[in-house]
Protein backbone atom coordinates (compact mmCIF):
# COMPACT_ATOMS: atom_id res chain seq x y z
CA MET A 1 -38.82 13.05 -25.60
CA THR A 2 -40.07 9.21 -24.44
CA ASP A 3 -39.93 8.56 -27.70
CA LEU A 4 -36.95 9.92 -29.36
CA LEU A 5 -35.18 7.47 -25.71
CA LYS A 6 -36.55 4.57 -27.03
CA SER A 7 -35.25 5.03 -30.88
CA ILE A 8 -32.28 5.93 -29.51
CA GLY A 9 -31.93 3.10 -26.97
CA ARG A 10 -33.50 0.32 -30.02
CA TRP A 11 -30.83 1.83 -32.84
CA LEU A 12 -28.07 1.75 -30.40
CA ASP A 13 -28.75 -2.09 -29.76
CA ALA A 14 -29.29 -3.44 -33.06
CA ARG A 15 -25.23 -2.22 -33.31
CA LEU A 16 -24.12 -3.60 -30.11
CA GLN A 17 -26.51 -5.92 -29.20
CA LEU A 18 -26.21 -4.70 -25.59
CA GLY A 19 -30.34 -5.85 -24.65
CA GLN A 20 -30.14 -9.60 -24.85
CA THR A 21 -26.61 -9.62 -23.07
CA ILE A 22 -27.63 -7.41 -20.06
CA ALA A 23 -31.37 -9.63 -19.74
CA ASP A 24 -29.82 -12.97 -19.77
CA VAL A 25 -27.96 -11.07 -17.49
CA ALA A 26 -30.24 -10.48 -14.78
CA ALA A 27 -32.62 -13.65 -15.46
CA HIS A 28 -29.79 -15.73 -15.01
CA PRO A 29 -30.98 -18.15 -12.12
CA VAL A 30 -29.54 -18.55 -8.85
CA PRO A 31 -30.06 -21.20 -5.42
CA ARG A 32 -33.96 -19.60 -3.87
CA SER A 33 -30.41 -19.91 -0.75
CA SER A 34 -28.12 -17.71 -1.89
CA ALA A 35 -30.66 -14.52 -1.80
CA SER A 36 -29.66 -14.25 1.85
CA TRP A 37 -28.42 -11.62 3.61
CA TRP A 38 -24.41 -13.57 3.82
CA TYR A 39 -24.63 -13.26 0.17
CA ILE A 40 -24.53 -9.24 -0.60
CA PHE A 41 -20.91 -8.38 0.35
CA GLY A 42 -19.36 -9.32 -3.19
CA SER A 43 -22.19 -6.48 -4.98
CA ALA A 44 -21.40 -3.80 -2.16
CA THR A 45 -17.34 -4.06 -3.11
CA LEU A 46 -18.29 -3.63 -6.67
CA VAL A 47 -20.25 -1.21 -5.85
CA VAL A 48 -17.89 1.36 -3.67
CA PHE A 49 -15.37 0.38 -6.27
CA ILE A 50 -17.43 2.20 -9.23
CA LEU A 51 -17.75 4.74 -6.49
CA GLN A 52 -13.79 4.90 -5.90
CA VAL A 53 -12.93 5.30 -9.70
CA VAL A 54 -16.01 8.61 -10.70
CA THR A 55 -14.23 10.18 -6.85
CA GLY A 56 -10.96 9.37 -7.71
CA ILE A 57 -11.07 10.04 -11.52
CA CYS A 58 -12.37 13.84 -10.38
CA LEU A 59 -9.60 14.22 -8.12
CA ALA A 60 -6.80 13.56 -10.78
CA THR A 61 -8.56 17.07 -12.57
CA VAL A 62 -7.13 18.74 -9.78
CA TYR A 63 -4.17 16.55 -8.03
CA THR A 64 -0.70 17.69 -9.17
CA PRO A 65 1.99 14.65 -9.07
CA ALA A 66 5.16 16.58 -8.62
CA ALA A 67 6.94 16.39 -5.98
CA ASP A 68 6.42 19.91 -4.83
CA ARG A 69 3.84 20.53 -5.67
CA ALA A 70 1.19 17.14 -4.86
CA TRP A 71 0.93 18.40 -1.28
CA ASP A 72 -0.23 22.30 -1.79
CA SER A 73 -2.72 20.66 -4.41
CA LEU A 74 -4.00 18.61 -1.13
CA ILE A 75 -4.78 21.98 0.46
CA TYR A 76 -5.98 23.25 -2.29
CA LEU A 77 -8.55 20.92 -2.54
CA ASN A 78 -9.22 20.88 1.00
CA TYR A 79 -9.60 24.65 1.72
CA HIS A 80 -10.19 26.16 -1.75
CA GLN A 81 -11.96 23.95 -3.82
CA PRO A 82 -15.59 23.64 -3.84
CA LEU A 83 -16.78 20.68 -2.05
CA GLY A 84 -13.34 19.38 -2.92
CA TRP A 85 -12.43 18.51 0.50
CA TYR A 86 -15.68 16.45 0.30
CA LEU A 87 -14.19 14.60 -2.68
CA ARG A 88 -11.12 13.70 -0.92
CA ALA A 89 -13.05 12.42 2.52
CA LEU A 90 -15.47 10.26 -0.05
CA HIS A 91 -12.13 8.51 -1.84
CA GLY A 92 -9.96 8.44 1.22
CA TRP A 93 -13.39 6.73 3.52
CA GLY A 94 -14.53 4.60 0.09
CA SER A 95 -10.78 3.23 0.06
CA ASN A 96 -11.44 1.55 4.21
CA PHE A 97 -14.79 1.05 3.32
CA MET A 98 -13.32 -1.32 0.38
CA VAL A 99 -10.78 -2.74 2.00
CA ALA A 100 -13.08 -3.57 4.87
CA LEU A 101 -15.88 -4.90 2.48
CA MET A 102 -13.54 -6.94 0.56
CA PHE A 103 -11.80 -8.46 4.43
CA ILE A 104 -15.21 -9.47 5.28
CA HIS A 105 -16.62 -10.76 1.98
CA LEU A 106 -13.29 -13.08 1.45
CA LEU A 107 -13.95 -14.46 5.33
CA GLN A 108 -17.58 -15.11 4.01
CA VAL A 109 -16.63 -17.28 1.05
CA PHE A 110 -13.65 -19.11 2.93
CA LEU A 111 -16.28 -20.02 5.63
CA PHE A 112 -19.16 -21.23 2.76
CA GLY A 113 -16.87 -23.10 0.98
CA ALA A 114 -17.55 -21.08 -2.04
CA TYR A 115 -13.80 -22.03 -2.90
CA LYS A 116 -13.73 -25.36 -3.50
CA PHE A 117 -14.92 -27.51 -6.62
CA PRO A 118 -15.48 -25.72 -9.33
CA ARG A 119 -14.91 -22.45 -8.30
CA GLU A 120 -11.35 -22.51 -7.61
CA LEU A 121 -10.24 -19.69 -10.46
CA THR A 122 -13.03 -17.68 -9.02
CA TRP A 123 -11.27 -17.55 -6.32
CA VAL A 124 -7.66 -16.97 -7.13
CA ALA A 125 -9.45 -13.98 -9.38
CA GLY A 126 -11.02 -12.74 -5.81
CA CYS A 127 -7.68 -12.83 -4.17
CA VAL A 128 -5.59 -11.50 -6.60
CA LEU A 129 -8.58 -8.35 -5.80
CA LEU A 130 -7.16 -8.50 -2.80
CA LEU A 131 -3.94 -7.62 -2.93
CA CYS A 132 -5.12 -5.18 -5.89
CA THR A 133 -6.95 -3.56 -3.02
CA LEU A 134 -4.60 -3.32 -0.50
CA GLY A 135 -2.11 -1.74 -4.07
CA MET A 136 -4.49 0.93 -4.41
CA ALA A 137 -4.68 1.68 -0.88
CA PHE A 138 -1.03 1.81 0.30
CA THR A 139 -0.38 3.91 -3.56
CA GLY A 140 -3.71 6.41 -1.79
CA GLN A 141 -1.79 6.60 0.67
CA VAL A 142 1.77 7.58 -0.41
CA LEU A 143 -0.04 10.39 -3.14
CA ARG A 144 -0.68 12.29 -0.14
CA PHE A 145 3.07 12.42 -0.11
CA ASP A 146 3.12 14.65 3.69
CA GLN A 147 5.00 13.80 6.59
CA ASN A 148 3.36 10.36 7.51
CA ALA A 149 3.76 8.95 4.06
CA TYR A 150 6.73 10.10 2.84
CA TRP A 151 8.44 8.11 5.89
CA GLY A 152 6.49 5.34 5.81
CA LEU A 153 7.86 5.08 2.58
CA GLY A 154 10.66 5.54 3.31
CA ILE A 155 9.63 2.96 5.95
CA GLY A 156 8.62 0.34 3.48
CA ALA A 157 11.46 1.07 1.21
CA SER A 158 13.30 -0.83 3.79
CA ILE A 159 11.68 -3.21 3.94
CA ALA A 160 12.07 -4.29 0.31
CA GLY A 161 15.74 -4.17 0.06
CA ARG A 162 16.10 -6.92 2.50
CA THR A 163 15.49 -8.45 -0.24
CA PRO A 164 18.41 -10.76 -0.62
CA ILE A 165 20.27 -10.24 -4.08
CA ILE A 166 17.63 -8.11 -5.52
CA GLY A 167 16.81 -5.75 -2.66
CA PHE A 168 18.74 -2.88 -4.45
CA LYS A 169 17.21 -3.19 -7.74
CA VAL A 170 13.48 -3.47 -5.82
CA VAL A 171 14.07 0.17 -3.82
CA ASP A 172 14.83 1.26 -7.58
CA LEU A 173 12.17 0.00 -8.81
CA ILE A 174 9.69 1.23 -6.38
CA LEU A 175 11.24 4.26 -5.77
CA GLY A 176 12.02 5.08 -9.21
CA GLY A 177 15.57 5.41 -8.48
CA PRO A 178 17.77 5.60 -5.26
CA ILE A 179 16.13 8.64 -3.69
CA ILE A 180 12.96 9.70 -2.65
CA ALA A 181 11.77 11.81 -5.45
CA GLY A 182 9.35 13.66 -7.81
CA GLU A 183 10.20 10.04 -10.28
CA THR A 184 8.49 8.37 -7.18
CA LEU A 185 5.87 10.65 -6.79
CA SER A 186 5.28 10.49 -10.77
CA ARG A 187 5.54 6.11 -10.35
CA PHE A 188 2.55 5.87 -7.64
CA PHE A 189 0.07 8.04 -9.33
CA ALA A 190 0.63 5.51 -12.47
CA LEU A 191 0.31 2.91 -10.47
CA HIS A 192 -2.62 4.53 -8.69
CA VAL A 193 -4.43 5.93 -11.61
CA PHE A 194 -3.82 3.42 -14.59
CA VAL A 195 -2.11 -0.07 -13.27
CA ILE A 196 -3.51 -0.44 -10.86
CA PRO A 197 -7.19 -0.15 -11.80
CA ALA A 198 -6.13 -1.90 -14.70
CA LEU A 199 -5.51 -5.18 -13.10
CA LEU A 200 -9.25 -4.54 -11.03
CA ILE A 201 -11.14 -3.33 -13.81
CA GLY A 202 -9.84 -6.65 -15.54
CA PHE A 203 -9.96 -9.33 -12.92
CA VAL A 204 -13.14 -7.67 -11.03
CA GLY A 205 -14.90 -8.82 -15.42
CA LEU A 206 -13.20 -12.16 -14.64
CA HIS A 207 -14.61 -13.08 -10.97
CA LEU A 208 -18.16 -11.61 -12.61
CA TYR A 209 -17.46 -13.96 -15.85
CA LEU A 210 -16.51 -17.06 -13.39
CA VAL A 211 -19.58 -16.64 -11.14
CA LEU A 212 -22.22 -16.12 -14.08
CA ARG A 213 -20.50 -19.37 -15.96
CA LEU A 214 -20.37 -21.37 -12.76
CA GLY A 215 -23.47 -20.04 -10.38
CA ILE A 216 -23.77 -18.67 -6.89
CA ASN A 217 -22.53 -20.85 -4.65
CA GLU A 218 -25.50 -22.21 -2.82
CA TRP A 219 -26.43 -22.34 0.91
CA PRO A 220 -23.46 -24.81 2.62
CA MET A 221 -26.59 -27.69 4.30
CA PRO A 222 -24.68 -29.99 5.98
CA GLY A 223 -24.07 -33.90 4.10
CA ARG A 224 -23.99 -31.97 0.82
CA ILE A 225 -20.37 -33.00 -0.26
CA VAL A 226 -18.74 -32.13 -3.32
CA ARG A 227 -17.18 -34.25 -5.55
CA ARG A 228 -15.39 -33.21 -8.21
CA ASN A 229 -17.17 -36.39 -10.44
CA SER A 230 -21.24 -35.14 -9.89
CA TYR A 231 -21.23 -31.26 -7.75
CA ILE A 232 -22.07 -30.09 -11.50
CA ALA A 233 -24.90 -31.89 -12.33
CA GLU A 234 -25.92 -31.22 -9.05
CA TYR A 235 -25.90 -27.66 -8.74
CA GLN A 236 -27.40 -27.73 -11.84
CA GLU A 237 -30.74 -29.84 -10.22
CA LEU A 238 -30.44 -27.54 -7.37
CA VAL A 239 -30.81 -24.80 -9.40
CA HIS A 240 -33.70 -26.01 -12.24
CA LYS A 241 -36.00 -27.31 -8.14
CA ASP A 242 -35.53 -24.45 -5.99
CA GLY A 243 -33.51 -21.52 -7.90
CA GLU A 244 -35.24 -17.90 -8.88
CA PRO A 245 -33.80 -15.50 -11.42
CA PHE A 246 -31.01 -12.70 -10.20
CA MET A 247 -33.23 -9.72 -11.22
CA PRO A 248 -35.23 -8.80 -8.93
CA HIS A 249 -35.50 -11.49 -6.41
CA ALA A 250 -31.86 -11.88 -5.29
CA ALA A 251 -30.95 -8.87 -6.26
CA GLN A 252 -32.75 -7.25 -3.39
CA LYS A 253 -31.16 -7.58 -0.48
CA ASP A 254 -27.88 -6.29 -2.72
CA LEU A 255 -29.28 -3.50 -3.46
CA VAL A 256 -30.72 -2.50 0.36
CA PHE A 257 -27.39 -2.83 1.44
CA ALA A 258 -25.30 -1.74 -1.70
CA GLY A 259 -27.56 1.34 -0.07
CA LEU A 260 -27.26 1.28 3.13
CA ILE A 261 -23.42 1.52 2.78
CA ILE A 262 -23.57 4.31 -0.22
CA LEU A 263 -24.95 6.34 2.63
CA SER A 264 -22.69 5.57 5.60
CA LEU A 265 -20.09 6.17 3.34
CA LEU A 266 -21.92 9.35 2.74
CA VAL A 267 -21.79 10.60 6.49
CA VAL A 268 -18.83 9.40 7.58
CA ALA A 269 -17.43 11.99 4.96
CA ALA A 270 -19.18 14.64 5.56
CA ILE A 271 -18.50 14.14 9.63
CA ALA A 272 -14.45 13.30 9.30
CA GLY A 273 -14.13 14.68 6.73
CA PRO A 274 -10.71 13.99 4.44
CA ILE A 275 -7.57 12.43 5.54
CA GLY A 276 -5.10 14.02 6.11
CA PRO A 277 -2.98 15.73 4.44
CA ASN A 278 -0.21 16.39 7.88
CA GLY A 279 2.53 17.99 7.94
CA GLN A 280 4.51 19.11 4.12
CA PRO A 281 7.39 15.91 3.67
CA ASP A 282 11.11 16.91 5.35
CA PRO A 283 13.69 14.82 5.28
CA THR A 284 15.90 16.71 7.73
CA ILE A 285 12.98 15.60 10.34
CA ILE A 286 14.04 12.19 11.40
CA GLN A 287 11.82 12.31 14.89
CA THR A 288 9.01 11.49 13.53
CA VAL A 289 6.77 8.55 14.27
CA PRO A 290 5.07 7.31 10.48
CA ARG A 291 1.62 5.56 10.71
CA PRO A 292 -0.54 3.27 8.21
CA ASP A 293 -3.85 3.86 7.17
CA PHE A 294 -5.87 1.32 9.13
CA PHE A 295 -5.54 -1.63 7.16
CA PHE A 296 -1.95 -1.55 7.26
CA LEU A 297 -2.40 -0.71 10.98
CA TRP A 298 -2.33 -4.62 12.56
CA LEU A 299 0.98 -5.62 10.49
CA PHE A 300 2.67 -2.28 11.91
CA SER A 301 1.53 -3.39 15.72
CA LEU A 302 2.54 -7.08 15.28
CA PHE A 303 6.20 -5.68 14.32
CA ALA A 304 6.26 -3.12 16.85
CA LEU A 305 5.29 -5.97 19.34
CA LEU A 306 7.32 -8.78 17.86
CA PRO A 307 11.46 -8.89 19.10
CA PRO A 308 13.16 -6.25 16.83
CA TRP A 309 15.89 -9.24 15.96
CA THR A 310 12.78 -11.84 13.95
CA GLU A 311 11.56 -8.40 11.44
CA THR A 312 13.93 -8.93 9.02
CA VAL A 313 12.80 -13.03 8.57
CA LEU A 314 8.53 -12.21 9.11
CA MET A 315 9.13 -8.98 6.43
CA LEU A 316 10.80 -11.16 3.97
CA THR A 317 8.97 -14.96 4.44
CA GLY A 318 5.61 -13.67 6.35
CA PRO A 319 3.57 -11.75 3.92
CA VAL A 320 5.08 -14.57 0.50
CA ALA A 321 4.03 -17.42 2.91
CA VAL A 322 -0.01 -16.25 3.53
CA ILE A 323 -0.60 -15.00 0.54
CA GLY A 324 0.70 -18.68 -1.22
CA LEU A 325 -1.21 -20.00 0.98
CA LEU A 326 -4.64 -18.32 -0.05
CA PHE A 327 -4.28 -19.07 -3.65
CA ALA A 328 -3.33 -23.18 -2.29
CA LEU A 329 -6.37 -22.92 -0.56
CA PRO A 330 -8.38 -24.22 -3.05
CA PHE A 331 -6.40 -26.56 -4.62
CA ILE A 332 -4.79 -28.26 -1.27
CA SER A 333 -8.93 -28.40 -0.30
CA GLY A 334 -10.97 -28.37 -3.27
CA THR A 335 -13.64 -31.19 -2.32
CA GLY A 336 -16.39 -32.41 0.98
CA GLU A 337 -18.26 -30.70 3.22
CA LYS A 338 -18.69 -26.84 2.52
CA SER A 339 -20.75 -26.42 5.77
CA TRP A 340 -18.85 -24.71 8.65
CA ARG A 341 -20.91 -27.13 11.49
CA ARG A 342 -18.92 -29.85 9.72
CA ARG A 343 -15.40 -27.60 9.56
CA PRO A 344 -15.11 -26.70 13.07
CA PHE A 345 -11.35 -25.88 12.30
CA SER A 346 -12.34 -23.20 9.61
CA VAL A 347 -14.50 -21.59 12.15
CA VAL A 348 -11.70 -21.55 14.55
CA ILE A 349 -8.84 -19.97 11.43
CA VAL A 350 -12.01 -17.35 11.06
CA ILE A 351 -12.58 -16.12 15.13
CA LEU A 352 -8.99 -16.48 15.48
CA ALA A 353 -8.18 -14.15 12.46
CA VAL A 354 -11.01 -11.57 13.08
CA THR A 355 -10.06 -10.83 16.96
CA LEU A 356 -6.25 -11.64 15.74
CA VAL A 357 -6.53 -8.00 13.46
CA GLY A 358 -8.74 -6.65 15.71
CA THR A 359 -6.64 -6.88 18.10
CA LEU A 360 -3.87 -5.55 16.91
CA THR A 361 -5.37 -3.03 14.22
CA TRP A 362 -6.43 -1.20 17.94
CA LEU A 363 -2.69 -1.64 19.27
CA GLY A 364 -1.17 -0.53 16.62
CA THR A 365 -3.30 3.23 16.56
CA PHE A 366 -0.46 3.50 19.71
CA SER A 367 1.94 1.25 19.44
CA PRO A 368 5.75 2.55 19.21
CA TRP A 369 7.69 1.21 16.78
CA SER A 370 11.59 1.93 15.68
CA PRO A 371 12.57 -1.17 13.44
CA VAL A 372 15.75 -2.03 13.22
CA MET A 373 16.87 -1.11 9.26
CA ASP A 374 19.67 -1.20 7.52
CA ALA A 375 20.40 2.21 6.20
CA TRP A 376 17.73 3.61 8.10
CA SER A 377 18.73 4.22 11.53
CA ALA A 378 21.80 5.31 13.47
CA THR A 379 23.97 2.52 12.59
CA PRO A 380 27.36 3.04 13.99
CA THR A 381 30.23 4.70 12.61
CA PRO A 382 32.78 2.01 12.10
CA ILE A 383 35.56 1.94 14.88
CA ASP A 384 38.23 2.58 12.24
CA TYR A 385 36.51 6.19 11.25
CA VAL A 386 37.26 7.36 14.77
CA LYS A 387 40.89 6.08 15.79
CA GLY A 388 43.57 8.64 16.72
CA ARG A 389 41.00 11.97 15.76
CA THR A 390 41.26 14.66 17.68
CA PRO A 391 38.21 15.35 20.21
CA LEU A 392 36.27 18.06 17.38
CA GLU A 393 36.55 15.72 14.79
CA LEU A 394 35.54 12.33 16.95
CA GLN A 395 32.20 14.54 18.12
CA GLY A 396 31.42 15.29 14.20
CA ALA A 397 31.56 10.78 13.94
CA VAL A 398 29.15 10.67 16.16
CA LEU A 399 26.94 13.48 15.01
CA VAL A 400 26.69 11.34 11.79
CA GLN A 401 25.70 8.62 14.13
CA SER A 402 23.40 10.39 16.26
CA LYS A 403 22.03 12.19 13.05
CA GLN A 404 21.79 9.57 10.96
CA CYS A 405 23.49 10.64 7.66
CA ARG A 406 23.75 7.22 6.94
CA ASN A 407 20.50 7.46 5.98
CA CYS A 408 21.58 8.06 2.59
CA HIS A 409 25.21 7.77 2.87
CA SER A 410 27.24 4.92 3.13
CA LEU A 411 30.53 4.68 5.11
CA GLY A 412 33.18 1.93 4.95
CA GLY A 413 30.87 0.05 2.73
CA GLU A 414 27.45 0.43 4.74
CA GLY A 415 24.60 2.81 4.82
CA GLY A 416 22.48 4.10 2.59
CA MET A 417 22.52 4.40 -1.44
CA ARG A 418 20.50 7.40 -1.77
CA GLY A 419 23.15 10.25 -2.14
CA PRO A 420 27.18 9.74 -2.67
CA ALA A 421 29.52 7.71 -0.23
CA LEU A 422 31.09 10.22 2.49
CA ASP A 423 35.16 8.39 2.78
CA ASP A 424 35.81 10.39 -0.06
CA THR A 425 34.03 14.10 0.79
CA ALA A 426 37.21 15.42 1.40
CA THR A 427 38.41 14.56 -2.32
CA ARG A 428 35.02 16.53 -4.09
CA LEU A 429 34.46 18.95 -1.39
CA THR A 430 36.98 21.67 0.18
CA ARG A 431 35.56 22.53 4.03
CA ASP A 432 33.56 25.71 2.68
CA GLN A 433 31.93 23.80 -0.18
CA ILE A 434 31.29 20.80 3.12
CA VAL A 435 29.53 24.10 4.94
CA ARG A 436 27.25 24.80 2.18
CA GLN A 437 26.36 21.26 1.35
CA ILE A 438 24.80 20.84 4.94
CA ILE A 439 23.54 24.37 5.55
CA GLN A 440 21.80 24.35 2.29
CA GLY A 441 21.37 21.25 0.73
CA GLY A 442 21.83 21.01 -2.92
CA GLY A 443 20.62 18.08 -5.73
CA ASN A 444 19.19 15.81 -3.76
CA MET A 445 20.37 16.71 -0.29
CA PRO A 446 17.66 19.05 1.67
CA ALA A 447 18.97 21.73 4.07
CA TYR A 448 20.10 21.35 7.63
CA GLY A 449 20.75 24.65 8.78
CA LYS A 450 17.54 24.88 10.94
CA ASN A 451 18.57 21.44 12.28
CA LEU A 452 22.48 22.00 13.46
CA THR A 453 24.15 24.02 15.32
CA PRO A 454 26.92 26.01 14.10
CA ALA A 455 29.04 24.02 16.94
CA GLU A 456 27.75 20.79 15.22
CA VAL A 457 28.29 22.15 12.18
CA ASN A 458 31.35 22.77 12.69
CA ALA A 459 31.93 19.38 14.41
CA LEU A 460 30.86 17.35 10.85
CA VAL A 461 32.81 19.91 9.01
CA ALA A 462 35.95 18.70 10.67
CA PHE A 463 35.58 14.60 10.66
CA LEU A 464 33.74 14.88 6.71
CA ALA A 465 37.16 16.90 5.72
CA THR A 466 39.53 14.17 6.66
CA MET A 467 37.49 11.68 4.43
CA HIS A 468 39.82 11.45 1.89
CA PRO A 469 41.95 8.13 0.88
CA ARG A 470 45.09 7.70 2.28
CA GLY A 471 47.75 9.08 -0.18
CA GLU A 472 45.27 11.26 -2.28
CA PRO A 473 45.18 15.02 -0.94
CA PRO A 474 41.79 16.63 -0.15
CA ALA A 475 40.33 19.45 -1.98
CA ARG A 476 41.67 22.78 -2.12
CA ASP A 477 39.76 26.05 -3.44
CA SER A 478 42.13 26.57 -6.43
CA ALA A 479 42.80 30.29 -5.39
CA ARG A 480 44.29 29.40 -2.79
CA PRO A 481 47.93 28.16 -2.76
CA ALA A 482 48.56 23.60 -2.29
CA LEU A 483 49.50 23.30 1.11
CA PRO A 484 53.30 21.12 1.63
CA ALA A 485 52.23 16.98 1.84
CA SER A 486 53.65 17.11 5.36
CA SER A 487 51.17 19.83 6.01
CA GLN A 488 47.92 17.95 4.54
């Protein structure tokens, strides 16, 4: 059997020519100082990513990306599929591990000045990988499609909708239409399973290629200055004098740490179990407090603690500014000292970042946040729509506001675009049809029969039955005679 396997290996290598390539990669020299416990986070992140791919493929064979089946398929995995709960736990907690390791690796690279010349593109590729990892985490949370994911996505869509000029286009791009529906889940499934993993694999390949071509960053010694005209020659001389093959010397610590990470993940998944799903997604339950997974808790907490008037500015400009600064960093500070001992400002930045994110993440576990969002809040009914109303109609106008009907419907040109405008409701539906639509739902509208009392339904219908343009009669049942114009 051994001889047979060797023969097959030689046959494949003669045609694929991979043996020499693998040998060259394993034997490529690295500075001896780089064989440190500080240089293990990148390889551990790669190992967790491979585990995510494997567990994700297994889950995709059972998961159903349909709005009416996604939640049920996760329940099936949790309680009926043998070891399905453990597979979900590995994938869910693996996402948390991967985000945490990616952040630690980013901080280590920043602290060690490994983004400086000639590794600018290595840093840029790493930043893209970080964004893709966060994208994978967010889309994975949406695919749980429980109550938390549904309303969390609604908040995310409302944030995107604040973008000037193109906001509504961005919302359509995210949701696959004007509302959260089956198209939304299919779009996020495609992003999570195909698009973002393809980007991750591509940029991981680019990142590894750049690491192999440019070498692993040496230990940042004080006084070792990075100069564009001499650094490459100095690095090659260092590797020649004090280098060692990556395998097995430098890789030993990587393998040990990666093994410990996988073992920790296996234990955490077994003890903590799968993440969700919580209750089924129900758009009629508006008294909900969606809370993101831990990697976005710090951002959730930040918006919870800041004054509401700062939300729009910070939501639209803050992430763009931070991401832009990350990408620009190696081009702004591409030479000079690498050692943190000579870069006190960088040390302060790392300490502040870790302290701030850690504190905000802890606060995010219990910080309440009711974001002020256009079309996702109790937007007041315009004054012109309440003048001259009967008490019952006024009660209906208050209910339109308090029940947040304008999350999905506009009134006076303000409000959601997920459903038809309320201004001409009475020209499209008779009173009986309005009652039926509210109680039973239909189309994209959920049924609100269990969420409204008969008196509230009566008040809403009384108000909506007056919603028709001046001079245009309301809709009527064709089986009934038309009323005189004076009585309409």
